[in-house]
């Protein structure tokens, strides 16, 4: 897709990023958070070290999938390339500090707090910025384009694949 066709398709997703819509999605966010907590419990049961950043990134991808795409991505159970956009320590530190400031340090109460007071999500400007930047870098729909005559993709073995008549 290109030009006006792409613009029309992209406009279909715009309403999914409004503040009102996101507040309506609080239960989906909490559902993904419960999976996140279950993963932590499983790691605790095993008693082994694990990457907090990796687990947290996949959680964020599931939240974005649930809210923006109305889809369960299950990124917490399998690798998702979009998670790599959030693997930097400084942003994670800022995210945690913002969440602690809004919800408090007792994470056992966060899910209930979000259910009872979903308006608190409006007090997470840095979290919102991280989500928007991730979607800007890895847009869920705008990356699709129509193939063109004479344009080929080439794999690492030199095989060429025509793009004409395909969506990428």
C-alpha atoms as a PDB file:
ATOM      1  CA  UNK A   1       0.000   0.000   0.000  1.00  0.00           C
ATOM      2  CA  UNK A   2       1.192   3.475  -0.807  1.00  0.00           C
ATOM      3  CA  UNK A   3      -0.124   7.040  -0.931  1.00  0.00           C
ATOM      4  CA  UNK A   4      -3.815   7.587  -0.321  1.00  0.00           C
ATOM      5  CA  UNK A   5      -4.534   3.895   0.195  1.00  0.00           C
ATOM      6  CA  UNK A   6      -1.923   3.723   2.968  1.00  0.00           C
ATOM      7  CA  UNK A   7      -3.220   6.958   4.530  1.00  0.00           C
ATOM      8  CA  UNK A   8      -6.778   5.611   4.592  1.00  0.00           C
ATOM      9  CA  UNK A   9      -5.646   2.333   6.148  1.00  0.00           C
ATOM     10  CA  UNK A  10      -3.552   4.137   8.776  1.00  0.00           C
ATOM     11  CA  UNK A  11      -6.515   6.338   9.756  1.00  0.00           C
ATOM     12  CA  UNK A  12      -8.390   3.184  10.779  1.00  0.00           C
ATOM     13  CA  UNK A  13      -5.977   2.799  13.731  1.00  0.00           C
ATOM     14  CA  UNK A  14      -5.945   6.412  14.972  1.00  0.00           C
ATOM     15  CA  UNK A  15      -8.955   6.101  17.290  1.00  0.00           C
ATOM     16  CA  UNK A  16      -7.182   3.280  19.125  1.00  0.00           C
ATOM     17  CA  UNK A  17      -4.714   5.761  20.617  1.00  0.00           C
ATOM     18  CA  UNK A  18      -7.137   8.268  22.156  1.00  0.00           C
ATOM     19  CA  UNK A  19      -7.003   8.759  25.938  1.00  0.00           C
ATOM     20  CA  UNK A  20     -10.633   7.739  26.376  1.00  0.00           C
ATOM     21  CA  UNK A  21     -10.143   4.507  24.450  1.00  0.00           C
ATOM     22  CA  UNK A  22      -7.019   3.611  26.405  1.00  0.00           C
ATOM     23  CA  UNK A  23      -8.840   4.120  29.718  1.00  0.00           C
ATOM     24  CA  UNK A  24     -11.530   1.747  28.465  1.00  0.00           C
ATOM     25  CA  UNK A  25      -8.801  -0.853  27.927  1.00  0.00           C
ATOM     26  CA  UNK A  26      -7.690  -0.904  31.586  1.00  0.00           C
ATOM     27  CA  UNK A  27      -9.022  -4.419  32.143  1.00  0.00           C
ATOM     28  CA  UNK A  28      -6.935  -5.714  29.204  1.00  0.00           C
ATOM     29  CA  UNK A  29      -3.835  -4.062  30.647  1.00  0.00           C
ATOM     30  CA  UNK A  30      -4.527  -5.601  34.035  1.00  0.00           C
ATOM     31  CA  UNK A  31      -5.098  -9.022  32.422  1.00  0.00           C
ATOM     32  CA  UNK A  32      -1.657  -8.808  30.789  1.00  0.00           C
ATOM     33  CA  UNK A  33      -0.173  -7.675  34.108  1.00  0.00           C
ATOM     34  CA  UNK A  34      -1.535 -10.783  35.772  1.00  0.00           C
ATOM     35  CA  UNK A  35       0.304 -12.940  33.198  1.00  0.00           C
ATOM     36  CA  UNK A  36       3.404 -10.862  33.956  1.00  0.00           C
ATOM     37  CA  UNK A  37       3.051 -11.583  37.689  1.00  0.00           C
ATOM     38  CA  UNK A  38       2.526 -15.295  37.015  1.00  0.00           C
ATOM     39  CA  UNK A  39       5.803 -15.345  35.066  1.00  0.00           C
ATOM     40  CA  UNK A  40       7.558 -13.715  38.029  1.00  0.00           C
ATOM     41  CA  UNK A  41       6.084 -16.310  40.364  1.00  0.00           C
ATOM     42  CA  UNK A  42       7.346 -19.104  38.122  1.00  0.00           C
ATOM     43  CA  UNK A  43      10.858 -17.608  38.104  1.00  0.00           C
ATOM     44  CA  UNK A  44      10.716 -17.264  41.903  1.00  0.00           C
ATOM     45  CA  UNK A  45       9.622 -20.886  42.227  1.00  0.00           C
ATOM     46  CA  UNK A  46      12.636 -21.992  40.151  1.00  0.00           C
ATOM     47  CA  UNK A  47      14.936 -19.813  42.240  1.00  0.00           C
ATOM     48  CA  UNK A  48      17.143 -18.891  39.274  1.00  0.00           C
ATOM     49  CA  UNK A  49      18.280 -15.523  37.933  1.00  0.00           C
ATOM     50  CA  UNK A  50      16.410 -14.135  34.931  1.00  0.00           C
ATOM     51  CA  UNK A  51      16.356 -10.968  32.848  1.00  0.00           C
ATOM     52  CA  UNK A  52      13.845  -8.522  34.297  1.00  0.00           C
ATOM     53  CA  UNK A  53      14.240  -6.309  31.229  1.00  0.00           C
ATOM     54  CA  UNK A  54      13.284  -9.094  28.844  1.00  0.00           C
ATOM     55  CA  UNK A  55      10.199 -10.101  30.811  1.00  0.00           C
ATOM     56  CA  UNK A  56       9.122  -6.466  31.191  1.00  0.00           C
ATOM     57  CA  UNK A  57       9.604  -5.703  27.495  1.00  0.00           C
ATOM     58  CA  UNK A  58       7.436  -8.627  26.476  1.00  0.00           C
ATOM     59  CA  UNK A  59       4.786  -7.503  28.955  1.00  0.00           C
ATOM     60  CA  UNK A  60       4.747  -4.060  27.332  1.00  0.00           C
ATOM     61  CA  UNK A  61       4.323  -5.617  23.892  1.00  0.00           C
ATOM     62  CA  UNK A  62       1.320  -7.577  25.117  1.00  0.00           C
ATOM     63  CA  UNK A  63      -0.194  -4.383  26.529  1.00  0.00           C
ATOM     64  CA  UNK A  64       0.332  -2.566  23.228  1.00  0.00           C
ATOM     65  CA  UNK A  65      -1.158  -5.515  21.347  1.00  0.00           C
ATOM     66  CA  UNK A  66      -4.208  -5.637  23.610  1.00  0.00           C
ATOM     67  CA  UNK A  67      -4.835  -1.886  23.586  1.00  0.00           C
ATOM     68  CA  UNK A  68      -3.799  -0.830  20.092  1.00  0.00           C
ATOM     69  CA  UNK A  69      -4.563  -3.968  18.096  1.00  0.00           C
ATOM     70  CA  UNK A  70      -7.303  -5.614  20.193  1.00  0.00           C
ATOM     71  CA  UNK A  71      -5.214  -8.754  19.948  1.00  0.00           C
ATOM     72  CA  UNK A  72      -3.396 -11.029  22.357  1.00  0.00           C
ATOM     73  CA  UNK A  73       0.208 -11.258  21.151  1.00  0.00           C
ATOM     74  CA  UNK A  74       1.435 -13.611  23.893  1.00  0.00           C
ATOM     75  CA  UNK A  75       4.811 -11.858  23.753  1.00  0.00           C
ATOM     76  CA  UNK A  76       5.437 -12.806  27.354  1.00  0.00           C
ATOM     77  CA  UNK A  77       5.685 -16.460  26.305  1.00  0.00           C
ATOM     78  CA  UNK A  78       7.535 -15.988  22.999  1.00  0.00           C
ATOM     79  CA  UNK A  79      10.024 -13.552  21.462  1.00  0.00           C
ATOM     80  CA  UNK A  80       8.676 -10.386  19.845  1.00  0.00           C
ATOM     81  CA  UNK A  81      11.116  -8.171  17.903  1.00  0.00           C
ATOM     82  CA  UNK A  82       9.347  -5.008  19.008  1.00  0.00           C
ATOM     83  CA  UNK A  83      10.472  -5.698  22.583  1.00  0.00           C
ATOM     84  CA  UNK A  84      14.025  -4.790  21.588  1.00  0.00           C
ATOM     85  CA  UNK A  85      12.951  -1.144  21.358  1.00  0.00           C
ATOM     86  CA  UNK A  86      12.499  -1.060  25.135  1.00  0.00           C
ATOM     87  CA  UNK A  87      15.703  -2.843  26.217  1.00  0.00           C
ATOM     88  CA  UNK A  88      17.575   0.205  27.472  1.00  0.00           C
ATOM     89  CA  UNK A  89      18.279   0.580  31.187  1.00  0.00           C
ATOM     90  CA  UNK A  90      17.718   4.341  31.488  1.00  0.00           C
ATOM     91  CA  UNK A  91      14.173   4.250  30.091  1.00  0.00           C
ATOM     92  CA  UNK A  92      13.306   1.266  32.285  1.00  0.00           C
ATOM     93  CA  UNK A  93      14.567   3.073  35.383  1.00  0.00           C
ATOM     94  CA  UNK A  94      12.437   6.101  34.498  1.00  0.00           C
ATOM     95  CA  UNK A  95       9.422   3.889  33.816  1.00  0.00           C
ATOM     96  CA  UNK A  96       9.739   2.167  37.190  1.00  0.00           C
ATOM     97  CA  UNK A  97      10.143   5.485  39.004  1.00  0.00           C
ATOM     98  CA  UNK A  98       7.068   6.909  37.280  1.00  0.00           C
ATOM     99  CA  UNK A  99       5.008   3.821  38.119  1.00  0.00           C
ATOM    100  CA  UNK A 100       6.154   3.902  41.754  1.00  0.00           C
ATOM    101  CA  UNK A 101       5.243   7.606  41.993  1.00  0.00           C
ATOM    102  CA  UNK A 102       1.734   7.023  40.620  1.00  0.00           C
ATOM    103  CA  UNK A 103       0.857   3.602  42.034  1.00  0.00           C
ATOM    104  CA  UNK A 104       3.220   3.303  44.997  1.00  0.00           C
ATOM    105  CA  UNK A 105       6.009   0.826  45.543  1.00  0.00           C
ATOM    106  CA  UNK A 106       3.710  -2.019  46.679  1.00  0.00           C
ATOM    107  CA  UNK A 107       3.168  -3.835  43.395  1.00  0.00           C
ATOM    108  CA  UNK A 108       0.692  -6.230  44.981  1.00  0.00           C
ATOM    109  CA  UNK A 109      -1.846  -3.373  45.025  1.00  0.00           C
ATOM    110  CA  UNK A 110      -1.181  -1.991  41.519  1.00  0.00           C
ATOM    111  CA  UNK A 111      -3.678  -4.163  39.623  1.00  0.00           C
ATOM    112  CA  UNK A 112      -6.518  -3.312  42.014  1.00  0.00           C
ATOM    113  CA  UNK A 113      -5.546   0.375  42.025  1.00  0.00           C
ATOM    114  CA  UNK A 114      -5.708   0.471  38.223  1.00  0.00           C
ATOM    115  CA  UNK A 115      -9.083  -1.246  38.194  1.00  0.00           C
ATOM    116  CA  UNK A 116     -10.509   1.112  40.818  1.00  0.00           C
ATOM    117  CA  UNK A 117      -8.816   4.300  39.596  1.00  0.00           C
ATOM    118  CA  UNK A 118      -8.117   3.970  35.845  1.00  0.00           C
ATOM    119  CA  UNK A 119      -7.744   7.776  35.599  1.00  0.00           C
ATOM    120  CA  UNK A 120      -4.324   7.378  37.286  1.00  0.00           C
ATOM    121  CA  UNK A 121      -3.067   6.132  33.933  1.00  0.00           C
ATOM    122  CA  UNK A 122      -3.277   9.758  32.775  1.00  0.00           C
ATOM    123  CA  UNK A 123      -0.434  10.494  35.209  1.00  0.00           C
ATOM    124  CA  UNK A 124       2.049   8.361  33.255  1.00  0.00           C
ATOM    125  CA  UNK A 125       3.416  10.744  30.594  1.00  0.00           C
ATOM    126  CA  UNK A 126       6.780   8.990  30.302  1.00  0.00           C
ATOM    127  CA  UNK A 127       5.138   5.574  29.935  1.00  0.00           C
ATOM    128  CA  UNK A 128       2.846   7.025  27.281  1.00  0.00           C
ATOM    129  CA  UNK A 129       5.852   8.514  25.458  1.00  0.00           C
ATOM    130  CA  UNK A 130       7.695   5.165  25.498  1.00  0.00           C
ATOM    131  CA  UNK A 131       4.662   3.373  24.081  1.00  0.00           C
ATOM    132  CA  UNK A 132       4.174   6.021  21.378  1.00  0.00           C
ATOM    133  CA  UNK A 133       7.868   5.983  20.439  1.00  0.00           C
ATOM    134  CA  UNK A 134       7.824   2.182  20.216  1.00  0.00           C
ATOM    135  CA  UNK A 135       4.807   2.369  17.932  1.00  0.00           C
ATOM    136  CA  UNK A 136       6.507   5.090  15.866  1.00  0.00           C
ATOM    137  CA  UNK A 137       9.618   2.951  15.415  1.00  0.00           C
ATOM    138  CA  UNK A 138       7.677  -0.258  14.829  1.00  0.00           C
ATOM    139  CA  UNK A 139       4.211   0.739  13.596  1.00  0.00           C
ATOM    140  CA  UNK A 140       1.748  -2.136  13.694  1.00  0.00           C
ATOM    141  CA  UNK A 141       0.112  -1.278  10.370  1.00  0.00           C
ATOM    142  CA  UNK A 142       1.941   1.487   8.563  1.00  0.00           C
ATOM    143  CA  UNK A 143       4.883  -0.738   7.649  1.00  0.00           C
ATOM    144  CA  UNK A 144       2.801  -2.650   5.096  1.00  0.00           C
ATOM    145  CA  UNK A 145       3.446  -1.573   1.529  1.00  0.00           C
ATOM    146  CA  UNK A 146       2.518  -2.999  -1.829  1.00  0.00           C
ATOM    147  CA  UNK A 147       5.251  -4.700  -3.848  1.00  0.00           C
ATOM    148  CA  UNK A 148       6.419  -3.082  -7.063  1.00  0.00           C
ATOM    149  CA  UNK A 149       7.373  -4.485 -10.475  1.00  0.00           C
ATOM    150  CA  UNK A 150      11.131  -4.892 -10.751  1.00  0.00           C
ATOM    151  CA  UNK A 151      11.670  -4.700  -6.959  1.00  0.00           C
ATOM    152  CA  UNK A 152      13.097  -7.813  -5.295  1.00  0.00           C
ATOM    153  CA  UNK A 153      14.015  -8.961  -1.809  1.00  0.00           C
ATOM    154  CA  UNK A 154      17.221 -10.956  -1.504  1.00  0.00           C
ATOM    155  CA  UNK A 155      18.063 -13.461   1.224  1.00  0.00           C
ATOM    156  CA  UNK A 156      21.529 -14.157   2.623  1.00  0.00           C
ATOM    157  CA  UNK A 157      22.058 -16.941   0.055  1.00  0.00           C
ATOM    158  CA  UNK A 158      21.455 -14.600  -2.901  1.00  0.00           C
ATOM    159  CA  UNK A 159      17.968 -15.869  -3.746  1.00  0.00           C
ATOM    160  CA  UNK A 160      15.792 -13.093  -5.161  1.00  0.00           C
ATOM    161  CA  UNK A 161      12.063 -12.862  -4.506  1.00  0.00           C
ATOM    162  CA  UNK A 162       9.794 -10.561  -6.522  1.00  0.00           C
ATOM    163  CA  UNK A 163       7.641  -8.162  -4.501  1.00  0.00           C
ATOM    164  CA  UNK A 164       5.125  -7.425  -7.266  1.00  0.00           C
ATOM    165  CA  UNK A 165       1.606  -8.426  -6.241  1.00  0.00           C
ATOM    166  CA  UNK A 166       2.478  -8.881  -2.559  1.00  0.00           C
ATOM    167  CA  UNK A 167       1.998  -6.846   0.587  1.00  0.00           C
ATOM    168  CA  UNK A 168       5.016  -6.371   2.814  1.00  0.00           C
END
